[in-house]
Every structure is written in structure tokens, then in C-alpha cells.
Amino acid sequence: MPSMTLKVLLPFEIFVEETDVSSIVVETPQGSFGLLPLRLDCVAALVPGILSFEAAGQGEVFLAVDEGVIVKTGPAVVVSVRRALRGDDLSRLRKAVEQEFLTLDAQEEEMRTAMDKLETGFMQRFAMLEDRSS
């Protein structure tokens, strides 16, 4: 039976590295998103929420993850997030998501706003360059 490998990356470490994973479920801006070994390759943005996966010999495992991205390439799945917690108690993990990941301090929110403005300006300039070269 086909399986996947799963790596969950944090900014400064590999948080989880599992082999023989049969399914993965993550939360995206559009809702829950499931991956099976034979699914086509894909990329999706993640919102703070619960990532669950089934690995041989472990049953279902739950991780609370912050926002990030998931990339599936063949049997390899890489999740890159800012923060993650592993736990057995799903209700505690859900509370951790609500308390730690969804509550952004004012400084972080200001930084995100500034980055959004920079990205918008970059994209507008890039679009103008594209128009000029056409």
C-alpha cells in the first residue's frame, strides 16, 4: 500500500519527520483539506488549526500548527509553519490554537500590515514592468 513521508518544519528546526503516513488533514482558508498518497501534487496555504495524520503503528496524531504552507510532491509532504505543538488531547490543542496562534500582539500585526503594503507595491511595480515589455 502506498504511503507518504511527512516533514513539519519550523523556522529553526524539523518538528516532525514521519514515514509510512497514510493520510493527512490540514486546515486551509477554504476549509479542511485531506491528502492521500496517490493524490496529485499540490501546494496550499494553511491557517492556524489542527493538522492530523495517520502513521503506521501510531494511529491518528494531532498537531496544533500556526499559519504556513503545505507542499506535496510525489510521496513527500512538507509543511512549513511558524509554530507547532504536539499533543494527545485534542481539546487542549484547539485551545492552544485559539490562545497562542490566533492572538497576535500589536507589533506583529503592524509588521504584517507593513509587509502587505510592501508586497502590494512590489506586485504593482512588477505588473507595470510586464505591461511595458509587452
N, C-alpha and C. Protein backbone atom coordinates (compact mmCIF):
# COMPACT_ATOMS: atom_id res chain seq x y z
N MET A 1 0.84 -1.18 0.00
CA MET A 1 0.00 0.00 0.00
C MET A 1 0.89 1.24 0.00
N PRO A 2 0.61 2.22 -0.87
CA PRO A 2 1.44 3.43 -0.94
C PRO A 2 1.35 4.23 0.36
N SER A 3 2.41 4.96 0.65
CA SER A 3 2.43 5.82 1.83
C SER A 3 3.19 7.10 1.51
N MET A 4 3.18 8.02 2.45
CA MET A 4 3.84 9.31 2.27
C MET A 4 4.85 9.51 3.40
N THR A 5 5.76 10.45 3.17
CA THR A 5 6.62 10.93 4.24
C THR A 5 6.14 12.33 4.59
N LEU A 6 6.20 12.68 5.85
CA LEU A 6 5.74 13.98 6.32
C LEU A 6 6.84 14.65 7.11
N LYS A 7 7.15 15.88 6.73
CA LYS A 7 8.08 16.72 7.49
C LYS A 7 7.34 17.98 7.86
N VAL A 8 7.38 18.32 9.14
CA VAL A 8 6.83 19.59 9.61
C VAL A 8 8.02 20.44 10.03
N LEU A 9 8.21 21.53 9.31
CA LEU A 9 9.37 22.41 9.54
C LEU A 9 8.95 23.67 10.27
N LEU A 10 9.72 24.02 11.29
CA LEU A 10 9.59 25.30 11.99
C LEU A 10 10.74 26.17 11.52
N PRO A 11 10.73 27.46 11.83
CA PRO A 11 11.81 28.33 11.33
C PRO A 11 13.23 27.84 11.64
N PHE A 12 13.42 27.15 12.78
CA PHE A 12 14.77 26.77 13.16
C PHE A 12 14.96 25.30 13.46
N GLU A 13 13.98 24.47 13.11
CA GLU A 13 14.13 23.05 13.39
C GLU A 13 13.13 22.21 12.60
N ILE A 14 13.43 20.93 12.52
CA ILE A 14 12.46 19.97 11.98
C ILE A 14 11.65 19.49 13.18
N PHE A 15 10.36 19.80 13.19
CA PHE A 15 9.50 19.49 14.33
C PHE A 15 9.02 18.04 14.29
N VAL A 16 8.64 17.56 13.12
CA VAL A 16 8.17 16.19 12.94
C VAL A 16 8.75 15.65 11.64
N GLU A 17 9.19 14.41 11.67
CA GLU A 17 9.63 13.71 10.47
C GLU A 17 9.10 12.28 10.57
N GLU A 18 8.09 11.97 9.78
CA GLU A 18 7.42 10.67 9.86
C GLU A 18 7.45 9.98 8.49
N THR A 19 7.57 8.68 8.53
CA THR A 19 7.46 7.88 7.31
C THR A 19 6.23 7.00 7.43
N ASP A 20 5.84 6.39 6.36
CA ASP A 20 4.71 5.46 6.34
C ASP A 20 3.42 6.13 6.80
N VAL A 21 3.18 7.36 6.32
CA VAL A 21 1.97 8.12 6.63
C VAL A 21 0.92 7.79 5.58
N SER A 22 -0.28 7.43 6.04
CA SER A 22 -1.33 7.03 5.10
C SER A 22 -2.30 8.16 4.76
N SER A 23 -2.46 9.17 5.64
CA SER A 23 -3.34 10.29 5.34
C SER A 23 -2.96 11.49 6.18
N ILE A 24 -3.28 12.68 5.65
CA ILE A 24 -3.00 13.94 6.34
C ILE A 24 -4.22 14.83 6.14
N VAL A 25 -4.62 15.53 7.19
CA VAL A 25 -5.71 16.50 7.10
C VAL A 25 -5.20 17.81 7.70
N VAL A 26 -5.36 18.91 6.95
CA VAL A 26 -4.94 20.24 7.39
C VAL A 26 -6.09 21.22 7.21
N GLU A 27 -5.93 22.40 7.80
CA GLU A 27 -6.93 23.44 7.66
C GLU A 27 -6.38 24.55 6.78
N THR A 28 -7.16 24.91 5.75
CA THR A 28 -6.79 25.96 4.81
C THR A 28 -7.82 27.09 4.92
N PRO A 29 -7.57 28.20 4.28
CA PRO A 29 -8.58 29.28 4.29
C PRO A 29 -9.94 28.82 3.72
N GLN A 30 -9.94 27.80 2.86
CA GLN A 30 -11.17 27.31 2.26
C GLN A 30 -11.80 26.17 3.06
N GLY A 31 -11.18 25.72 4.15
CA GLY A 31 -11.71 24.64 4.97
C GLY A 31 -10.71 23.50 5.08
N SER A 32 -11.17 22.38 5.60
CA SER A 32 -10.29 21.22 5.77
C SER A 32 -9.87 20.65 4.42
N PHE A 33 -8.66 20.10 4.40
CA PHE A 33 -8.06 19.63 3.16
C PHE A 33 -7.34 18.32 3.47
N GLY A 34 -7.68 17.25 2.77
CA GLY A 34 -7.08 15.96 3.03
C GLY A 34 -6.14 15.51 1.93
N LEU A 35 -5.09 14.80 2.34
CA LEU A 35 -4.12 14.27 1.39
C LEU A 35 -4.00 12.76 1.58
N LEU A 36 -4.00 12.05 0.47
CA LEU A 36 -3.74 10.62 0.44
C LEU A 36 -2.53 10.38 -0.44
N PRO A 37 -1.86 9.24 -0.33
CA PRO A 37 -0.62 9.01 -1.07
C PRO A 37 -0.71 9.20 -2.59
N LEU A 38 -1.80 8.84 -3.22
CA LEU A 38 -1.89 8.92 -4.68
C LEU A 38 -2.49 10.24 -5.18
N ARG A 39 -2.74 11.18 -4.28
CA ARG A 39 -3.27 12.48 -4.68
C ARG A 39 -2.24 13.21 -5.53
N LEU A 40 -2.73 14.03 -6.45
CA LEU A 40 -1.83 14.82 -7.29
C LEU A 40 -1.02 15.78 -6.44
N ASP A 41 0.12 16.19 -6.95
CA ASP A 41 0.96 17.17 -6.26
C ASP A 41 0.19 18.47 -6.09
N CYS A 42 0.47 19.17 -4.99
CA CYS A 42 -0.26 20.40 -4.73
C CYS A 42 0.48 21.27 -3.73
N VAL A 43 0.02 22.51 -3.63
CA VAL A 43 0.51 23.47 -2.66
C VAL A 43 -0.72 24.16 -2.09
N ALA A 44 -0.75 24.39 -0.78
CA ALA A 44 -1.88 25.09 -0.15
C ALA A 44 -1.39 25.92 1.03
N ALA A 45 -2.03 27.06 1.22
CA ALA A 45 -1.77 27.88 2.40
C ALA A 45 -2.50 27.26 3.58
N LEU A 46 -1.90 27.37 4.76
CA LEU A 46 -2.51 26.85 5.98
C LEU A 46 -2.89 27.99 6.91
N VAL A 47 -3.99 27.81 7.62
CA VAL A 47 -4.38 28.75 8.66
C VAL A 47 -4.10 28.09 10.01
N PRO A 48 -4.02 28.87 11.09
CA PRO A 48 -3.84 28.23 12.39
C PRO A 48 -4.94 27.22 12.66
N GLY A 49 -4.56 26.02 13.04
CA GLY A 49 -5.54 24.97 13.27
C GLY A 49 -4.89 23.66 13.64
N ILE A 50 -5.63 22.59 13.45
CA ILE A 50 -5.17 21.25 13.80
C ILE A 50 -4.76 20.50 12.53
N LEU A 51 -3.56 19.96 12.54
CA LEU A 51 -3.09 19.07 11.48
C LEU A 51 -3.16 17.67 12.08
N SER A 52 -3.78 16.76 11.35
CA SER A 52 -3.81 15.37 11.83
C SER A 52 -3.23 14.47 10.75
N PHE A 53 -2.58 13.40 11.19
CA PHE A 53 -2.08 12.43 10.23
C PHE A 53 -2.15 11.04 10.84
N GLU A 54 -2.22 10.05 9.95
CA GLU A 54 -2.22 8.65 10.37
C GLU A 54 -0.90 8.05 9.93
N ALA A 55 -0.16 7.51 10.89
CA ALA A 55 1.12 6.87 10.59
C ALA A 55 1.08 5.44 11.11
N ALA A 56 1.76 4.56 10.41
CA ALA A 56 1.80 3.15 10.80
C ALA A 56 2.29 3.01 12.24
N GLY A 57 1.55 2.26 13.03
CA GLY A 57 1.95 1.99 14.40
C GLY A 57 1.62 3.10 15.38
N GLN A 58 1.09 4.24 14.92
CA GLN A 58 0.80 5.35 15.82
C GLN A 58 -0.68 5.70 15.87
N GLY A 59 -1.43 5.28 14.90
CA GLY A 59 -2.82 5.73 14.83
C GLY A 59 -2.87 7.18 14.40
N GLU A 60 -3.89 7.89 14.84
CA GLU A 60 -4.04 9.29 14.45
C GLU A 60 -3.26 10.19 15.41
N VAL A 61 -2.47 11.10 14.84
CA VAL A 61 -1.63 12.03 15.59
C VAL A 61 -2.12 13.44 15.31
N PHE A 62 -2.16 14.28 16.34
CA PHE A 62 -2.65 15.65 16.20
C PHE A 62 -1.54 16.65 16.51
N LEU A 63 -1.47 17.69 15.67
CA LEU A 63 -0.55 18.80 15.89
C LEU A 63 -1.33 20.10 15.78
N ALA A 64 -1.09 21.02 16.70
CA ALA A 64 -1.61 22.37 16.55
C ALA A 64 -0.55 23.13 15.76
N VAL A 65 -0.95 23.75 14.65
CA VAL A 65 0.01 24.46 13.81
C VAL A 65 -0.46 25.90 13.58
N ASP A 66 0.51 26.76 13.44
CA ASP A 66 0.25 28.15 13.10
C ASP A 66 0.11 28.24 11.58
N GLU A 67 -0.06 29.43 11.08
CA GLU A 67 -0.19 29.58 9.63
C GLU A 67 1.09 29.16 8.93
N GLY A 68 0.94 28.75 7.68
CA GLY A 68 2.10 28.29 6.93
C GLY A 68 1.69 27.79 5.56
N VAL A 69 2.43 26.80 5.07
CA VAL A 69 2.17 26.26 3.74
C VAL A 69 2.44 24.75 3.76
N ILE A 70 1.71 24.03 2.91
CA ILE A 70 1.93 22.59 2.74
C ILE A 70 2.22 22.35 1.27
N VAL A 71 3.23 21.50 1.01
CA VAL A 71 3.62 21.17 -0.36
C VAL A 71 3.69 19.65 -0.47
N LYS A 72 2.95 19.10 -1.44
CA LYS A 72 3.01 17.66 -1.69
C LYS A 72 3.66 17.45 -3.04
N THR A 73 4.74 16.68 -3.06
CA THR A 73 5.46 16.34 -4.28
C THR A 73 5.68 14.84 -4.26
N GLY A 74 4.93 14.11 -5.09
CA GLY A 74 5.01 12.66 -5.06
C GLY A 74 4.62 12.17 -3.69
N PRO A 75 5.42 11.29 -3.09
CA PRO A 75 5.08 10.78 -1.76
C PRO A 75 5.57 11.68 -0.62
N ALA A 76 6.26 12.76 -0.95
CA ALA A 76 6.82 13.65 0.08
C ALA A 76 5.88 14.81 0.36
N VAL A 77 5.58 15.03 1.63
CA VAL A 77 4.75 16.15 2.05
C VAL A 77 5.57 16.97 3.05
N VAL A 78 5.71 18.26 2.75
CA VAL A 78 6.45 19.17 3.63
C VAL A 78 5.49 20.26 4.08
N VAL A 79 5.43 20.46 5.38
CA VAL A 79 4.62 21.51 5.97
C VAL A 79 5.58 22.48 6.63
N SER A 80 5.47 23.74 6.30
CA SER A 80 6.31 24.76 6.90
C SER A 80 5.41 25.74 7.64
N VAL A 81 5.58 25.82 8.97
CA VAL A 81 4.76 26.69 9.80
C VAL A 81 5.64 27.45 10.77
N ARG A 82 5.08 28.51 11.34
CA ARG A 82 5.85 29.32 12.28
C ARG A 82 5.98 28.66 13.64
N ARG A 83 4.89 28.03 14.10
CA ARG A 83 4.89 27.38 15.41
C ARG A 83 4.06 26.12 15.34
N ALA A 84 4.37 25.15 16.19
CA ALA A 84 3.60 23.91 16.25
C ALA A 84 3.70 23.31 17.64
N LEU A 85 2.64 22.60 18.02
CA LEU A 85 2.60 21.87 19.29
C LEU A 85 2.05 20.48 19.01
N ARG A 86 2.59 19.49 19.70
CA ARG A 86 2.08 18.13 19.57
C ARG A 86 1.39 17.75 20.86
N GLY A 87 0.28 17.04 20.75
CA GLY A 87 -0.42 16.64 21.96
C GLY A 87 -1.42 15.54 21.70
N ASP A 88 -1.81 14.89 22.78
CA ASP A 88 -2.79 13.81 22.69
C ASP A 88 -4.21 14.30 22.91
N ASP A 89 -4.35 15.40 23.65
CA ASP A 89 -5.67 15.92 23.99
C ASP A 89 -6.10 16.96 22.95
N LEU A 90 -7.04 16.59 22.11
CA LEU A 90 -7.48 17.45 21.02
C LEU A 90 -8.07 18.76 21.53
N SER A 91 -8.81 18.73 22.63
CA SER A 91 -9.41 19.97 23.14
C SER A 91 -8.33 20.93 23.64
N ARG A 92 -7.27 20.41 24.26
CA ARG A 92 -6.17 21.28 24.70
C ARG A 92 -5.44 21.88 23.50
N LEU A 93 -5.25 21.09 22.46
CA LEU A 93 -4.60 21.61 21.26
C LEU A 93 -5.45 22.70 20.61
N ARG A 94 -6.76 22.50 20.56
CA ARG A 94 -7.65 23.51 19.98
C ARG A 94 -7.56 24.81 20.78
N LYS A 95 -7.51 24.71 22.12
CA LYS A 95 -7.37 25.90 22.96
C LYS A 95 -6.04 26.57 22.71
N ALA A 96 -4.99 25.78 22.51
CA ALA A 96 -3.66 26.35 22.22
C ALA A 96 -3.70 27.15 20.92
N VAL A 97 -4.40 26.61 19.92
CA VAL A 97 -4.54 27.34 18.65
C VAL A 97 -5.21 28.67 18.90
N GLU A 98 -6.31 28.64 19.65
CA GLU A 98 -7.07 29.87 19.91
C GLU A 98 -6.27 30.87 20.73
N GLN A 99 -5.58 30.39 21.77
CA GLN A 99 -4.87 31.30 22.67
C GLN A 99 -3.53 31.76 22.12
N GLU A 100 -2.74 30.84 21.56
CA GLU A 100 -1.38 31.19 21.18
C GLU A 100 -1.24 31.61 19.73
N PHE A 101 -1.93 30.95 18.83
CA PHE A 101 -1.69 31.19 17.42
C PHE A 101 -2.61 32.27 16.84
N LEU A 102 -3.82 32.38 17.32
CA LEU A 102 -4.75 33.34 16.75
C LEU A 102 -4.65 34.72 17.40
N THR A 103 -4.01 34.80 18.57
CA THR A 103 -3.87 36.06 19.27
C THR A 103 -2.53 36.67 18.91
N LEU A 104 -2.55 37.58 17.98
CA LEU A 104 -1.31 38.25 17.56
C LEU A 104 -1.15 39.54 18.35
N ASP A 105 0.07 39.79 18.81
CA ASP A 105 0.28 41.04 19.52
C ASP A 105 0.30 42.19 18.52
N ALA A 106 0.16 43.39 19.04
CA ALA A 106 0.03 44.58 18.20
C ALA A 106 1.24 44.78 17.29
N GLN A 107 2.42 44.52 17.79
CA GLN A 107 3.63 44.70 17.00
C GLN A 107 3.65 43.76 15.80
N GLU A 108 3.27 42.51 16.01
CA GLU A 108 3.25 41.53 14.92
C GLU A 108 2.20 41.92 13.88
N GLU A 109 1.07 42.40 14.32
CA GLU A 109 0.02 42.81 13.39
C GLU A 109 0.48 44.01 12.55
N GLU A 110 1.18 44.96 13.18
CA GLU A 110 1.72 46.11 12.46
C GLU A 110 2.74 45.67 11.42
N MET A 111 3.59 44.71 11.80
CA MET A 111 4.59 44.21 10.86
C MET A 111 3.92 43.54 9.66
N ARG A 112 2.87 42.78 9.91
CA ARG A 112 2.15 42.13 8.80
C ARG A 112 1.54 43.17 7.87
N THR A 113 0.97 44.22 8.43
CA THR A 113 0.39 45.28 7.62
C THR A 113 1.46 45.93 6.74
N ALA A 114 2.61 46.20 7.33
CA ALA A 114 3.72 46.80 6.56
C ALA A 114 4.19 45.86 5.46
N MET A 115 4.30 44.57 5.76
CA MET A 115 4.72 43.60 4.74
C MET A 115 3.69 43.50 3.62
N ASP A 116 2.41 43.54 3.97
CA ASP A 116 1.36 43.52 2.94
C ASP A 116 1.49 44.70 2.00
N LYS A 117 1.77 45.88 2.57
CA LYS A 117 1.95 47.08 1.74
C LYS A 117 3.17 46.93 0.83
N LEU A 118 4.26 46.40 1.36
CA LEU A 118 5.46 46.19 0.54
C LEU A 118 5.18 45.19 -0.59
N GLU A 119 4.50 44.10 -0.27
CA GLU A 119 4.18 43.11 -1.28
C GLU A 119 3.27 43.69 -2.36
N THR A 120 2.28 44.47 -1.95
CA THR A 120 1.37 45.09 -2.91
C THR A 120 2.14 46.03 -3.83
N GLY A 121 3.02 46.84 -3.24
CA GLY A 121 3.83 47.75 -4.05
C GLY A 121 4.72 47.01 -5.02
N PHE A 122 5.32 45.93 -4.56
CA PHE A 122 6.17 45.11 -5.43
C PHE A 122 5.37 44.54 -6.59
N MET A 123 4.21 43.99 -6.29
CA MET A 123 3.38 43.39 -7.34
C MET A 123 2.90 44.45 -8.35
N GLN A 124 2.58 45.64 -7.88
CA GLN A 124 2.16 46.70 -8.80
C GLN A 124 3.30 47.10 -9.72
N ARG A 125 4.50 47.25 -9.17
CA ARG A 125 5.66 47.60 -9.99
C ARG A 125 5.99 46.49 -10.98
N PHE A 126 5.88 45.26 -10.52
CA PHE A 126 6.13 44.12 -11.40
C PHE A 126 5.13 44.11 -12.55
N ALA A 127 3.87 44.38 -12.25
CA ALA A 127 2.82 44.41 -13.28
C ALA A 127 3.11 45.53 -14.28
N MET A 128 3.60 46.68 -13.79
CA MET A 128 3.92 47.80 -14.70
C MET A 128 5.08 47.40 -15.61
N LEU A 129 6.09 46.69 -15.10
CA LEU A 129 7.20 46.23 -15.93
C LEU A 129 6.71 45.25 -17.01
N GLU A 130 5.80 44.36 -16.61
CA GLU A 130 5.22 43.39 -17.55
C GLU A 130 4.50 44.13 -18.67
N ASP A 131 3.72 45.17 -18.31
CA ASP A 131 2.96 45.93 -19.31
C ASP A 131 3.90 46.64 -20.28
N ARG A 132 5.01 47.19 -19.78
CA ARG A 132 5.95 47.91 -20.61
C ARG A 132 6.68 46.99 -21.59
N SER A 133 6.93 45.74 -21.15
CA SER A 133 7.67 44.83 -22.01
C SER A 133 6.77 44.18 -23.06
N SER A 134 5.48 44.31 -22.93
CA SER A 134 4.54 43.69 -23.91
C SER A 134 4.40 44.54 -25.14
